Structure formats: C-alpha cells, structure tokens
Amino acid sequence: MKAVKPPSQKKSNPYKNKRTPNKPVHPAPTKKSSEQSHRRLWLAARATFGILMSLAGIALGVYAFEGPPWPTEPTFVPGSPSFGSPFSVPFTITNKSAVVDLNRLEIRCGIATKIQGEPPAGGTLQQGEPGHPAFVSVTGPHSQLEATETRSYTCAFAQLSIYVGPNPKITFAEMTFESEYDSWLPWGGRKIVRSPIFELDTSTVPPQWKPASLK
C-alpha cells in the first residue's frame, strides 16, 4: 500500500487580514477660519488697548486736578520776605501726592551762614560752609503730612539765641531741608531726602530766599 501524504497546510500571514486604523485627517485651514482667528486677535488687542488708555486717562485726570497718584518727596517753597531775621521766614512744605501720605515725618534744616557784628565790639558767627550746611536737629514728635496737604515750617535755627554785636550783617546764607519719613513700601524702612539749596539774596530789600540756580 502506498503511504498517503497528509494535505499540506499553508502558513497563514498574521498581518494579511489586520486592518490598519484610519489616521485622522485634519482639514486644511480655510481662508475663512484664518480671517476669524485674526479678527479675534484684533478685537482682543483693541480691548486691551482701550483699557490701558482708560487707565492712563484716569491717572492724567488725577494728576491734573489732585496731584500724581504715586509717592512724592516733600517740596519746600520760601515764604514772603520780612524785615526781621531771614531765618524766621516760614517755608511752605507740600506733599504733592494725591494718594500717599508722608508718615512719621521729621524735618531738619541745614544752614550755612556767616554773620558779622559791627566792629570793634562785634564778633563773627559761622555755621557750616557754602555747599556744606550744618544741620540743626530739634527733638520732637513725628508728624504726618497727608496727601495734597500743605503746611508752614520754620527752621529751628531761628530759635537759637545769637548775638554778634550791634548791626549784624549777613555775609552769606544758604538753607536746605532734610526730610525723613516712612517708606510706602513695607520693607522700605525710613527714607531720607534733601531739598534743593536756597540762597539768601541780600541785594533785595528786604533780603529774600531764592533757589540757588535763580539767584
């Protein structure tokens, strides 16, 4: 008898019937969708610009009618001259900020002057040097200068008793002010600023204080 061969079995391909998942197809951006995206960006930019312009307008309005809405240093302006001691002339001090107060304010005036009495009995008193004033400090309670507030201040030098003889003559005199107050920043500590120098113009009658650059 002849041997019967078993029927041959073909090897199956495991990848033959496996379906490849369909890849997502992203539609190409159309001209209309691109225009819509640009329009949204333009509207957002215009709205942001409008908000910024509104805030700037409010800040300018406050600055024009009330003062700057940020912290400022105190400013000093000499008062009207008098025939008395020029050191007794009160200065006007102002906090120009519309929002921020100057808390625990302390003011010291700096004096540079030379006063001569009439010879032969007269003497000479010199306090500081031109451009290098000596500061007169008076111990007292701290004060507060509120936003937009203005008040009068007289240098403590006027409280000193000075006698150099009859008909004293002021050869030169300069005055400046040093202000110390709390910083508006919580970690800022104490802030110290110095005003411009004022010079006594003895060519006028009576003599008057002027900013050094305007004498």
N, C-alpha and C. Protein backbone atom coordinates (compact mmCIF):
# COMPACT_ATOMS: atom_id res chain seq x y z
N MET A 1 0.84 -1.19 0.00
CA MET A 1 0.00 0.00 0.00
C MET A 1 0.87 1.23 0.00
N LYS A 2 0.38 2.17 -0.75
CA LYS A 2 1.12 3.42 -0.81
C LYS A 2 0.74 4.30 0.37
N ALA A 3 1.78 4.95 0.92
CA ALA A 3 1.52 5.88 2.04
C ALA A 3 0.81 7.09 1.53
N VAL A 4 -0.20 7.52 2.27
CA VAL A 4 -0.95 8.71 1.87
C VAL A 4 -0.38 9.92 2.60
N LYS A 5 0.03 10.92 1.83
CA LYS A 5 0.59 12.15 2.42
C LYS A 5 -0.52 13.03 2.94
N PRO A 6 -0.34 13.52 4.09
CA PRO A 6 -1.37 14.44 4.63
C PRO A 6 -1.41 15.71 3.81
N PRO A 7 -2.58 16.30 3.70
CA PRO A 7 -2.67 17.55 2.91
C PRO A 7 -1.79 18.66 3.53
N SER A 8 -1.11 19.31 2.63
CA SER A 8 -0.20 20.38 3.09
C SER A 8 -1.00 21.57 3.61
N GLN A 9 -0.51 22.18 4.66
CA GLN A 9 -1.18 23.36 5.25
C GLN A 9 -0.32 24.60 5.00
N LYS A 10 -0.96 25.54 4.43
CA LYS A 10 -0.25 26.78 4.15
C LYS A 10 -0.17 27.63 5.41
N LYS A 11 0.98 28.22 5.55
CA LYS A 11 1.16 29.13 6.69
C LYS A 11 0.38 30.41 6.46
N SER A 12 -0.37 30.73 7.49
CA SER A 12 -1.18 31.97 7.36
C SER A 12 -0.35 33.18 7.74
N ASN A 13 -0.60 34.28 7.04
CA ASN A 13 0.09 35.56 7.33
C ASN A 13 -0.71 36.31 8.37
N PRO A 14 -0.13 36.53 9.56
CA PRO A 14 -0.93 37.21 10.62
C PRO A 14 -1.27 38.64 10.28
N TYR A 15 -0.57 39.23 9.33
CA TYR A 15 -0.80 40.65 9.02
C TYR A 15 -1.69 40.84 7.81
N LYS A 16 -2.15 39.65 7.24
CA LYS A 16 -2.89 39.76 6.00
C LYS A 16 -4.25 40.42 6.20
N ASN A 17 -4.95 39.92 7.24
CA ASN A 17 -6.31 40.42 7.46
C ASN A 17 -6.40 41.55 8.50
N LYS A 18 -5.23 41.99 9.02
CA LYS A 18 -5.24 43.04 10.03
C LYS A 18 -5.46 44.39 9.37
N ARG A 19 -6.45 45.09 9.89
CA ARG A 19 -6.79 46.38 9.31
C ARG A 19 -5.96 47.50 9.94
N THR A 20 -5.48 48.33 9.12
CA THR A 20 -4.74 49.50 9.60
C THR A 20 -5.73 50.56 10.01
N PRO A 21 -5.62 51.06 11.29
CA PRO A 21 -6.59 52.10 11.71
C PRO A 21 -6.47 53.33 10.85
N ASN A 22 -7.62 53.89 10.60
CA ASN A 22 -7.63 55.10 9.78
C ASN A 22 -7.00 56.27 10.53
N LYS A 23 -6.08 56.97 9.89
CA LYS A 23 -5.45 58.14 10.50
C LYS A 23 -6.39 59.32 10.40
N PRO A 24 -6.46 60.10 11.52
CA PRO A 24 -7.36 61.26 11.44
C PRO A 24 -6.88 62.26 10.39
N VAL A 25 -7.78 62.73 9.68
CA VAL A 25 -7.45 63.68 8.63
C VAL A 25 -7.88 65.06 9.08
N HIS A 26 -6.90 65.99 9.22
CA HIS A 26 -7.18 67.36 9.62
C HIS A 26 -7.44 68.20 8.39
N PRO A 27 -8.56 68.79 8.38
CA PRO A 27 -8.84 69.60 7.18
C PRO A 27 -7.90 70.81 7.12
N ALA A 28 -7.49 71.12 5.98
CA ALA A 28 -6.61 72.28 5.78
C ALA A 28 -7.35 73.54 6.17
N PRO A 29 -6.65 74.46 6.88
CA PRO A 29 -7.33 75.69 7.28
C PRO A 29 -7.83 76.46 6.08
N THR A 30 -9.04 76.87 6.19
CA THR A 30 -9.62 77.64 5.10
C THR A 30 -9.34 79.12 5.30
N LYS A 31 -9.55 79.86 4.29
CA LYS A 31 -9.33 81.30 4.34
C LYS A 31 -10.28 81.96 5.33
N LYS A 32 -11.50 81.40 5.43
CA LYS A 32 -12.49 81.99 6.33
C LYS A 32 -12.09 81.81 7.79
N SER A 33 -11.62 80.58 8.18
CA SER A 33 -11.22 80.35 9.57
C SER A 33 -10.01 81.18 9.94
N SER A 34 -9.11 81.38 9.00
CA SER A 34 -7.93 82.22 9.26
C SER A 34 -8.33 83.66 9.52
N GLU A 35 -9.29 84.14 8.74
CA GLU A 35 -9.75 85.52 8.93
C GLU A 35 -10.44 85.67 10.29
N GLN A 36 -11.20 84.66 10.71
CA GLN A 36 -11.87 84.72 12.01
C GLN A 36 -10.86 84.75 13.14
N SER A 37 -9.80 83.96 13.03
CA SER A 37 -8.76 83.96 14.07
C SER A 37 -8.08 85.31 14.16
N HIS A 38 -7.76 85.89 13.02
CA HIS A 38 -7.13 87.22 13.02
C HIS A 38 -8.07 88.27 13.60
N ARG A 39 -9.35 88.14 13.31
CA ARG A 39 -10.31 89.11 13.83
C ARG A 39 -10.41 89.02 15.35
N ARG A 40 -10.40 87.78 15.90
CA ARG A 40 -10.46 87.63 17.35
C ARG A 40 -9.23 88.25 18.02
N LEU A 41 -8.06 88.05 17.42
CA LEU A 41 -6.84 88.64 17.98
C LEU A 41 -6.90 90.17 17.93
N TRP A 42 -7.43 90.69 16.82
CA TRP A 42 -7.55 92.14 16.69
C TRP A 42 -8.51 92.72 17.72
N LEU A 43 -9.63 92.04 17.95
CA LEU A 43 -10.59 92.53 18.93
C LEU A 43 -10.01 92.49 20.35
N ALA A 44 -9.26 91.41 20.66
CA ALA A 44 -8.64 91.31 21.99
C ALA A 44 -7.60 92.40 22.18
N ALA A 45 -6.79 92.66 21.14
CA ALA A 45 -5.77 93.71 21.24
C ALA A 45 -6.41 95.08 21.39
N ARG A 46 -7.51 95.32 20.65
CA ARG A 46 -8.18 96.62 20.73
C ARG A 46 -8.81 96.83 22.11
N ALA A 47 -9.37 95.76 22.68
CA ALA A 47 -9.96 95.87 24.01
C ALA A 47 -8.90 96.16 25.06
N THR A 48 -7.75 95.47 24.95
CA THR A 48 -6.65 95.71 25.90
C THR A 48 -6.13 97.13 25.78
N PHE A 49 -5.99 97.61 24.55
CA PHE A 49 -5.52 98.98 24.35
C PHE A 49 -6.51 99.99 24.91
N GLY A 50 -7.80 99.71 24.74
CA GLY A 50 -8.81 100.62 25.29
C GLY A 50 -8.77 100.70 26.80
N ILE A 51 -8.54 99.54 27.46
CA ILE A 51 -8.45 99.53 28.92
C ILE A 51 -7.23 100.33 29.38
N LEU A 52 -6.10 100.12 28.71
CA LEU A 52 -4.88 100.85 29.08
C LEU A 52 -5.05 102.35 28.88
N MET A 53 -5.71 102.75 27.80
CA MET A 53 -5.93 104.18 27.55
C MET A 53 -6.87 104.77 28.60
N SER A 54 -7.87 103.99 29.02
CA SER A 54 -8.79 104.48 30.06
C SER A 54 -8.06 104.69 31.38
N LEU A 55 -7.20 103.72 31.74
CA LEU A 55 -6.43 103.87 32.97
C LEU A 55 -5.49 105.06 32.89
N ALA A 56 -4.86 105.24 31.72
CA ALA A 56 -3.97 106.39 31.55
C ALA A 56 -4.75 107.70 31.66
N GLY A 57 -5.97 107.73 31.10
CA GLY A 57 -6.79 108.94 31.20
C GLY A 57 -7.17 109.26 32.63
N ILE A 58 -7.51 108.22 33.40
CA ILE A 58 -7.85 108.43 34.81
C ILE A 58 -6.64 108.96 35.57
N ALA A 59 -5.46 108.36 35.32
CA ALA A 59 -4.24 108.79 36.00
C ALA A 59 -3.90 110.24 35.66
N LEU A 60 -4.06 110.63 34.38
CA LEU A 60 -3.78 112.01 33.98
C LEU A 60 -4.78 112.98 34.60
N GLY A 61 -6.04 112.54 34.70
CA GLY A 61 -7.03 113.40 35.33
C GLY A 61 -6.73 113.64 36.80
N VAL A 62 -6.35 112.58 37.51
CA VAL A 62 -5.97 112.72 38.91
C VAL A 62 -4.75 113.61 39.05
N TYR A 63 -3.77 113.41 38.15
CA TYR A 63 -2.54 114.21 38.21
C TYR A 63 -2.84 115.69 37.98
N ALA A 64 -3.75 115.98 37.05
CA ALA A 64 -4.03 117.38 36.72
C ALA A 64 -4.79 118.10 37.82
N PHE A 65 -5.73 117.42 38.47
CA PHE A 65 -6.60 118.09 39.44
C PHE A 65 -6.19 117.86 40.90
N GLU A 66 -5.58 116.72 41.19
CA GLU A 66 -5.23 116.41 42.57
C GLU A 66 -3.73 116.32 42.81
N GLY A 67 -3.00 115.77 41.85
CA GLY A 67 -1.57 115.53 42.01
C GLY A 67 -1.23 114.15 41.52
N PRO A 68 0.03 113.81 41.44
CA PRO A 68 0.41 112.49 40.94
C PRO A 68 -0.09 111.38 41.86
N PRO A 69 -0.62 110.27 41.29
CA PRO A 69 -1.11 109.17 42.12
C PRO A 69 -0.02 108.22 42.57
N TRP A 70 1.17 108.72 42.74
CA TRP A 70 2.29 107.91 43.22
C TRP A 70 3.00 108.68 44.33
N PRO A 71 3.86 108.05 45.11
CA PRO A 71 4.55 108.75 46.20
C PRO A 71 5.47 109.86 45.67
N THR A 72 5.52 110.96 46.39
CA THR A 72 6.40 112.08 46.02
C THR A 72 7.17 112.55 47.25
N GLU A 73 8.29 113.19 47.00
CA GLU A 73 9.06 113.79 48.08
C GLU A 73 8.42 115.12 48.49
N PRO A 74 8.57 115.53 49.73
CA PRO A 74 8.03 116.83 50.13
C PRO A 74 8.77 117.96 49.42
N THR A 75 8.04 118.99 49.06
CA THR A 75 8.63 120.15 48.40
C THR A 75 8.58 121.35 49.33
N PHE A 76 9.56 122.24 49.18
CA PHE A 76 9.68 123.43 50.04
C PHE A 76 9.70 124.68 49.18
N VAL A 77 8.94 125.69 49.61
CA VAL A 77 8.89 126.98 48.92
C VAL A 77 9.04 128.07 49.97
N PRO A 78 9.99 129.02 49.76
CA PRO A 78 10.17 130.09 50.76
C PRO A 78 8.96 131.01 50.82
N GLY A 79 8.68 131.49 52.02
CA GLY A 79 7.58 132.42 52.20
C GLY A 79 7.99 133.84 51.83
N SER A 80 7.08 134.76 52.08
CA SER A 80 7.34 136.17 51.75
C SER A 80 8.45 136.73 52.63
N PRO A 81 9.33 137.56 52.08
CA PRO A 81 10.42 138.14 52.88
C PRO A 81 9.88 139.12 53.92
N SER A 82 10.65 139.29 54.98
CA SER A 82 10.27 140.23 56.03
C SER A 82 11.52 141.00 56.48
N PHE A 83 11.29 142.08 57.22
CA PHE A 83 12.41 142.89 57.70
C PHE A 83 13.00 142.31 58.98
N GLY A 84 12.44 141.22 59.46
CA GLY A 84 13.02 140.56 60.62
C GLY A 84 14.15 139.64 60.19
N SER A 85 14.47 138.70 61.05
CA SER A 85 15.53 137.75 60.74
C SER A 85 15.11 136.88 59.55
N PRO A 86 15.97 136.76 58.54
CA PRO A 86 15.60 135.92 57.39
C PRO A 86 15.46 134.45 57.78
N PHE A 87 16.08 134.07 58.89
CA PHE A 87 15.98 132.67 59.32
C PHE A 87 14.62 132.37 59.96
N SER A 88 13.84 133.42 60.22
CA SER A 88 12.50 133.23 60.78
C SER A 88 11.43 133.17 59.70
N VAL A 89 11.82 133.34 58.45
CA VAL A 89 10.84 133.28 57.36
C VAL A 89 10.32 131.84 57.23
N PRO A 90 9.03 131.65 57.32
CA PRO A 90 8.49 130.29 57.21
C PRO A 90 8.54 129.79 55.76
N PHE A 91 8.80 128.52 55.62
CA PHE A 91 8.76 127.86 54.31
C PHE A 91 7.48 127.04 54.23
N THR A 92 6.95 126.93 53.03
CA THR A 92 5.76 126.12 52.80
C THR A 92 6.20 124.73 52.34
N ILE A 93 5.77 123.71 53.05
CA ILE A 93 6.08 122.33 52.72
C ILE A 93 4.81 121.64 52.22
N THR A 94 4.92 120.91 51.11
CA THR A 94 3.75 120.30 50.47
C THR A 94 4.04 118.85 50.10
N ASN A 95 3.04 118.01 50.33
CA ASN A 95 3.06 116.65 49.83
C ASN A 95 2.18 116.63 48.58
N LYS A 96 2.78 116.56 47.40
CA LYS A 96 2.04 116.68 46.15
C LYS A 96 1.35 115.39 45.71
N SER A 97 1.62 114.29 46.39
CA SER A 97 0.97 113.04 46.02
C SER A 97 -0.53 113.12 46.32
N ALA A 98 -1.33 112.57 45.41
CA ALA A 98 -2.77 112.58 45.60
C ALA A 98 -3.25 111.38 46.41
N VAL A 99 -2.36 110.43 46.69
CA VAL A 99 -2.78 109.19 47.32
C VAL A 99 -1.98 108.85 48.57
N VAL A 100 -0.65 109.04 48.54
CA VAL A 100 0.24 108.51 49.57
C VAL A 100 0.58 109.58 50.60
N ASP A 101 0.38 109.29 51.89
CA ASP A 101 0.75 110.18 52.98
C ASP A 101 2.24 110.03 53.31
N LEU A 102 2.79 111.07 53.94
CA LEU A 102 4.15 111.01 54.48
C LEU A 102 4.02 110.78 55.99
N ASN A 103 4.30 109.56 56.42
CA ASN A 103 4.07 109.18 57.81
C ASN A 103 5.35 109.31 58.63
N ARG A 104 5.16 109.70 59.89
CA ARG A 104 6.27 109.88 60.85
C ARG A 104 7.35 110.78 60.25
N LEU A 105 6.92 111.94 59.78
CA LEU A 105 7.80 112.88 59.11
C LEU A 105 8.64 113.66 60.11
N GLU A 106 9.92 113.75 59.84
CA GLU A 106 10.85 114.54 60.65
C GLU A 106 11.66 115.44 59.71
N ILE A 107 11.75 116.73 60.04
CA ILE A 107 12.42 117.70 59.17
C ILE A 107 13.58 118.33 59.93
N ARG A 108 14.71 118.40 59.27
CA ARG A 108 15.88 119.10 59.80
C ARG A 108 16.31 120.14 58.78
N CYS A 109 16.63 121.34 59.25
CA CYS A 109 17.08 122.38 58.32
C CYS A 109 18.60 122.49 58.39
N GLY A 110 19.20 122.67 57.24
CA GLY A 110 20.64 122.84 57.15
C GLY A 110 20.98 124.29 56.85
N ILE A 111 21.94 124.82 57.61
CA ILE A 111 22.30 126.24 57.49
C ILE A 111 23.79 126.36 57.19
N ALA A 112 24.09 127.21 56.23
CA ALA A 112 25.47 127.65 56.00
C ALA A 112 25.43 129.17 55.97
N THR A 113 26.05 129.82 56.94
CA THR A 113 25.97 131.27 57.02
C THR A 113 27.18 131.85 57.74
N LYS A 114 27.41 133.11 57.48
CA LYS A 114 28.43 133.86 58.20
C LYS A 114 27.84 135.22 58.56
N ILE A 115 27.80 135.49 59.87
CA ILE A 115 27.22 136.74 60.37
C ILE A 115 28.30 137.52 61.11
N GLN A 116 28.46 138.77 60.76
CA GLN A 116 29.49 139.62 61.38
C GLN A 116 28.83 140.80 62.08
N GLY A 117 29.29 141.07 63.30
CA GLY A 117 28.83 142.24 64.02
C GLY A 117 29.68 143.45 63.66
N GLU A 118 29.17 144.61 63.98
CA GLU A 118 29.87 145.85 63.64
C GLU A 118 31.10 146.02 64.51
N PRO A 119 32.27 146.22 63.91
CA PRO A 119 33.48 146.43 64.72
C PRO A 119 33.39 147.75 65.48
N PRO A 120 34.16 147.91 66.55
CA PRO A 120 35.19 146.98 67.02
C PRO A 120 34.66 145.92 68.00
N ALA A 121 33.41 146.11 68.48
CA ALA A 121 32.92 145.20 69.51
C ALA A 121 32.26 143.96 68.91
N GLY A 122 31.98 144.01 67.63
CA GLY A 122 31.24 142.91 67.01
C GLY A 122 32.09 141.65 66.84
N GLY A 123 31.41 140.52 66.85
CA GLY A 123 32.07 139.24 66.64
C GLY A 123 31.62 138.62 65.32
N THR A 124 31.99 137.38 65.13
CA THR A 124 31.65 136.65 63.90
C THR A 124 31.08 135.28 64.26
N LEU A 125 30.03 134.94 63.60
CA LEU A 125 29.43 133.61 63.76
C LEU A 125 29.39 132.94 62.40
N GLN A 126 29.95 131.74 62.33
CA GLN A 126 29.89 130.98 61.08
C GLN A 126 29.30 129.61 61.37
N GLN A 127 28.35 129.25 60.56
CA GLN A 127 27.66 127.95 60.67
C GLN A 127 27.79 127.25 59.32
N GLY A 128 28.51 126.14 59.26
CA GLY A 128 28.69 125.42 58.01
C GLY A 128 29.51 126.22 57.01
N GLU A 129 29.54 125.75 55.79
CA GLU A 129 30.25 126.41 54.69
C GLU A 129 29.37 126.38 53.45
N PRO A 130 29.64 127.27 52.48
CA PRO A 130 28.83 127.25 51.26
C PRO A 130 28.85 125.87 50.60
N GLY A 131 27.66 125.32 50.34
CA GLY A 131 27.54 124.00 49.76
C GLY A 131 27.62 122.87 50.76
N HIS A 132 27.98 123.18 52.00
CA HIS A 132 28.10 122.16 53.05
C HIS A 132 27.42 122.68 54.32
N PRO A 133 26.10 122.66 54.36
CA PRO A 133 25.38 123.21 55.52
C PRO A 133 25.52 122.31 56.75
N ALA A 134 25.36 122.93 57.90
CA ALA A 134 25.31 122.20 59.17
C ALA A 134 23.85 122.08 59.57
N PHE A 135 23.43 120.87 59.89
CA PHE A 135 22.01 120.64 60.15
C PHE A 135 21.67 120.88 61.61
N VAL A 136 20.57 121.56 61.80
CA VAL A 136 20.04 121.85 63.13
C VAL A 136 18.90 120.87 63.38
N SER A 137 19.08 120.01 64.35
CA SER A 137 18.08 118.99 64.65
C SER A 137 17.35 119.34 65.93
N VAL A 138 16.07 119.27 65.91
CA VAL A 138 15.25 119.54 67.08
C VAL A 138 14.46 118.28 67.41
N THR A 139 14.60 117.79 68.62
CA THR A 139 13.90 116.58 69.03
C THR A 139 12.44 116.90 69.30
N GLY A 140 11.58 116.12 68.70
CA GLY A 140 10.15 116.36 68.89
C GLY A 140 9.35 115.21 68.31
N PRO A 141 8.05 115.22 68.51
CA PRO A 141 7.22 114.13 67.99
C PRO A 141 7.20 114.14 66.47
N HIS A 142 7.10 112.95 65.87
CA HIS A 142 6.96 112.86 64.43
C HIS A 142 5.57 113.36 64.03
N SER A 143 5.51 113.89 62.85
CA SER A 143 4.23 114.39 62.34
C SER A 143 3.85 113.61 61.09
N GLN A 144 2.69 113.91 60.57
CA GLN A 144 2.20 113.28 59.35
C GLN A 144 1.78 114.36 58.38
N LEU A 145 2.23 114.22 57.13
CA LEU A 145 1.82 115.15 56.07
C LEU A 145 0.97 114.34 55.09
N GLU A 146 -0.32 114.59 55.15
CA GLU A 146 -1.25 113.80 54.34
C GLU A 146 -1.13 114.16 52.86
N ALA A 147 -1.70 113.31 52.03
CA ALA A 147 -1.68 113.54 50.59
C ALA A 147 -2.30 114.89 50.26
N THR A 148 -1.63 115.66 49.42
CA THR A 148 -2.02 117.01 48.95
C THR A 148 -2.02 118.06 50.06
N GLU A 149 -1.53 117.71 51.25
CA GLU A 149 -1.54 118.68 52.36
C GLU A 149 -0.37 119.65 52.26
N THR A 150 -0.61 120.87 52.71
CA THR A 150 0.40 121.92 52.75
C THR A 150 0.41 122.54 54.14
N ARG A 151 1.61 122.78 54.65
CA ARG A 151 1.71 123.43 55.96
C ARG A 151 2.95 124.31 55.99
N SER A 152 3.08 125.07 57.05
CA SER A 152 4.19 126.00 57.21
C SER A 152 5.26 125.39 58.11
N TYR A 153 6.53 125.70 57.80
CA TYR A 153 7.64 125.19 58.61
C TYR A 153 8.69 126.29 58.75
N THR A 154 9.16 126.49 59.97
CA THR A 154 10.21 127.47 60.25
C THR A 154 11.45 126.74 60.76
N CYS A 155 12.59 127.11 60.23
CA CYS A 155 13.84 126.46 60.61
C CYS A 155 14.14 126.66 62.09
N ALA A 156 14.64 125.60 62.71
CA ALA A 156 14.94 125.65 64.15
C ALA A 156 16.07 126.62 64.45
N PHE A 157 16.85 127.02 63.44
CA PHE A 157 17.95 127.96 63.65
C PHE A 157 17.42 129.28 64.20
N ALA A 158 16.18 129.62 63.83
CA ALA A 158 15.60 130.88 64.29
C ALA A 158 15.34 130.86 65.78
N GLN A 159 15.29 129.68 66.40
CA GLN A 159 15.03 129.58 67.84
C GLN A 159 16.30 129.78 68.67
N LEU A 160 17.46 129.77 68.02
CA LEU A 160 18.71 129.92 68.75
C LEU A 160 18.96 131.39 69.08
N SER A 161 19.52 131.62 70.23
CA SER A 161 19.84 132.99 70.65
C SER A 161 21.23 133.35 70.12
N ILE A 162 21.27 134.32 69.20
CA ILE A 162 22.52 134.69 68.54
C ILE A 162 22.77 136.18 68.75
N TYR A 163 23.98 136.50 69.20
CA TYR A 163 24.35 137.91 69.31
C TYR A 163 25.82 138.07 68.94
N VAL A 164 26.05 138.84 67.91
CA VAL A 164 27.43 139.08 67.46
C VAL A 164 27.79 140.56 67.54
N GLY A 165 26.97 141.32 68.22
CA GLY A 165 27.25 142.74 68.35
C GLY A 165 26.19 143.57 67.65
N PRO A 166 26.32 144.87 67.69
CA PRO A 166 25.33 145.75 67.08
C PRO A 166 25.39 145.67 65.55
N ASN A 167 24.23 145.92 64.93
CA ASN A 167 24.12 145.97 63.47
C ASN A 167 24.77 144.75 62.79
N PRO A 168 24.31 143.54 63.10
CA PRO A 168 24.90 142.36 62.46
C PRO A 168 24.62 142.35 60.97
N LYS A 169 25.59 141.85 60.24
CA LYS A 169 25.48 141.79 58.78
C LYS A 169 25.69 140.34 58.33
N ILE A 170 24.78 139.86 57.51
CA ILE A 170 24.90 138.51 56.98
C ILE A 170 25.75 138.55 55.72
N THR A 171 26.92 137.94 55.77
CA THR A 171 27.81 137.91 54.61
C THR A 171 27.28 136.96 53.54
N PHE A 172 26.87 135.79 53.94
CA PHE A 172 26.21 134.85 53.03
C PHE A 172 25.32 133.94 53.87
N ALA A 173 24.37 133.33 53.21
CA ALA A 173 23.48 132.40 53.91
C ALA A 173 22.87 131.44 52.90
N GLU A 174 22.89 130.16 53.27
CA GLU A 174 22.25 129.11 52.48
C GLU A 174 21.38 128.27 53.41
N MET A 175 20.32 127.72 52.85
CA MET A 175 19.44 126.88 53.66
C MET A 175 18.94 125.71 52.81
N THR A 176 18.88 124.56 53.42
CA THR A 176 18.30 123.38 52.78
C THR A 176 17.55 122.58 53.83
N PHE A 177 16.77 121.62 53.40
CA PHE A 177 15.94 120.85 54.32
C PHE A 177 16.14 119.36 54.07
N GLU A 178 16.27 118.62 55.15
CA GLU A 178 16.39 117.17 55.08
C GLU A 178 15.15 116.55 55.71
N SER A 179 14.44 115.75 54.95
CA SER A 179 13.20 115.12 55.41
C SER A 179 13.42 113.62 55.59
N GLU A 180 12.90 113.09 56.68
CA GLU A 180 12.97 111.66 56.94
C GLU A 180 11.57 111.16 57.28
N TYR A 181 11.14 110.11 56.61
CA TYR A 181 9.79 109.60 56.82
C TYR A 181 9.75 108.12 56.44
N ASP A 182 8.64 107.46 56.78
CA ASP A 182 8.49 106.04 56.49
C ASP A 182 8.30 105.83 54.99
N SER A 183 9.00 104.83 54.45
CA SER A 183 8.79 104.47 53.06
C SER A 183 7.40 103.87 52.89
N TRP A 184 6.79 104.08 51.72
CA TRP A 184 5.46 103.50 51.48
C TRP A 184 5.55 102.00 51.22
N LEU A 185 6.77 101.48 50.99
CA LEU A 185 6.95 100.04 50.82
C LEU A 185 7.09 99.39 52.20
N PRO A 186 6.46 98.26 52.44
CA PRO A 186 6.54 97.61 53.77
C PRO A 186 7.96 97.28 54.18
N TRP A 187 8.83 97.00 53.21
CA TRP A 187 10.22 96.64 53.52
C TRP A 187 11.19 97.81 53.28
N GLY A 188 10.64 99.00 53.03
CA GLY A 188 11.49 100.13 52.65
C GLY A 188 12.16 100.85 53.80
N GLY A 189 11.70 100.63 55.05
CA GLY A 189 12.31 101.32 56.19
C GLY A 189 12.05 102.82 56.16
N ARG A 190 13.06 103.58 56.58
CA ARG A 190 12.96 105.04 56.60
C ARG A 190 13.64 105.62 55.36
N LYS A 191 13.02 106.63 54.78
CA LYS A 191 13.56 107.28 53.60
C LYS A 191 14.03 108.69 53.96
N ILE A 192 15.23 109.06 53.48
CA ILE A 192 15.80 110.37 53.76
C ILE A 192 16.06 111.08 52.43
N VAL A 193 15.50 112.27 52.28
CA VAL A 193 15.69 113.06 51.07
C VAL A 193 16.07 114.48 51.47
N ARG A 194 16.75 115.16 50.55
CA ARG A 194 17.19 116.53 50.82
C ARG A 194 16.67 117.45 49.73
N SER A 195 16.20 118.61 50.14
CA SER A 195 15.65 119.58 49.20
C SER A 195 16.78 120.31 48.46
N PRO A 196 16.44 121.04 47.39
CA PRO A 196 17.44 121.91 46.77
C PRO A 196 17.91 122.98 47.75
N ILE A 197 19.03 123.62 47.45
CA ILE A 197 19.59 124.67 48.31
C ILE A 197 18.95 126.01 47.97
N PHE A 198 18.60 126.75 49.01
CA PHE A 198 18.10 128.11 48.86
C PHE A 198 19.18 129.08 49.34
N GLU A 199 19.37 130.17 48.60
CA GLU A 199 20.36 131.18 48.97
C GLU A 199 19.64 132.48 49.33
N LEU A 200 20.22 133.19 50.27
CA LEU A 200 19.65 134.47 50.68
C LEU A 200 20.17 135.57 49.76
N ASP A 201 19.27 136.20 49.04
CA ASP A 201 19.64 137.29 48.14
C ASP A 201 19.61 138.59 48.94
N THR A 202 20.80 139.08 49.29
CA THR A 202 20.91 140.30 50.11
C THR A 202 20.85 141.57 49.27
N SER A 203 20.71 141.42 47.94
CA SER A 203 20.63 142.61 47.09
C SER A 203 19.22 143.19 47.07
N THR A 204 18.25 142.47 47.60
CA THR A 204 16.87 142.97 47.65
C THR A 204 16.58 143.52 49.03
N VAL A 205 15.55 144.34 49.12
CA VAL A 205 15.13 144.93 50.40
C VAL A 205 13.65 144.60 50.59
N PRO A 206 13.34 143.80 51.61
CA PRO A 206 14.28 143.07 52.48
C PRO A 206 14.90 141.87 51.75
N PRO A 207 15.96 141.29 52.30
CA PRO A 207 16.55 140.10 51.67
C PRO A 207 15.52 138.97 51.58
N GLN A 208 15.66 138.14 50.56
CA GLN A 208 14.70 137.05 50.38
C GLN A 208 15.41 135.78 49.92
N TRP A 209 14.79 134.66 50.27
CA TRP A 209 15.33 133.36 49.91
C TRP A 209 14.91 133.01 48.48
N LYS A 210 15.88 132.50 47.71
CA LYS A 210 15.62 132.06 46.35
C LYS A 210 16.34 130.76 46.09
N PRO A 211 15.81 129.94 45.18
CA PRO A 211 16.57 128.75 44.78
C PRO A 211 17.95 129.15 44.27
N ALA A 212 18.96 128.37 44.59
CA ALA A 212 20.33 128.73 44.26
C ALA A 212 20.53 129.01 42.78
N SER A 213 19.81 128.30 41.92
CA SER A 213 20.00 128.47 40.48
C SER A 213 19.33 129.74 39.95
N LEU A 214 18.43 130.35 40.76
CA LEU A 214 17.69 131.52 40.30
C LEU A 214 18.18 132.81 40.91
N LYS A 215 19.23 132.72 41.72
CA LYS A 215 19.68 133.96 42.37
C LYS A 215 20.31 134.89 41.37
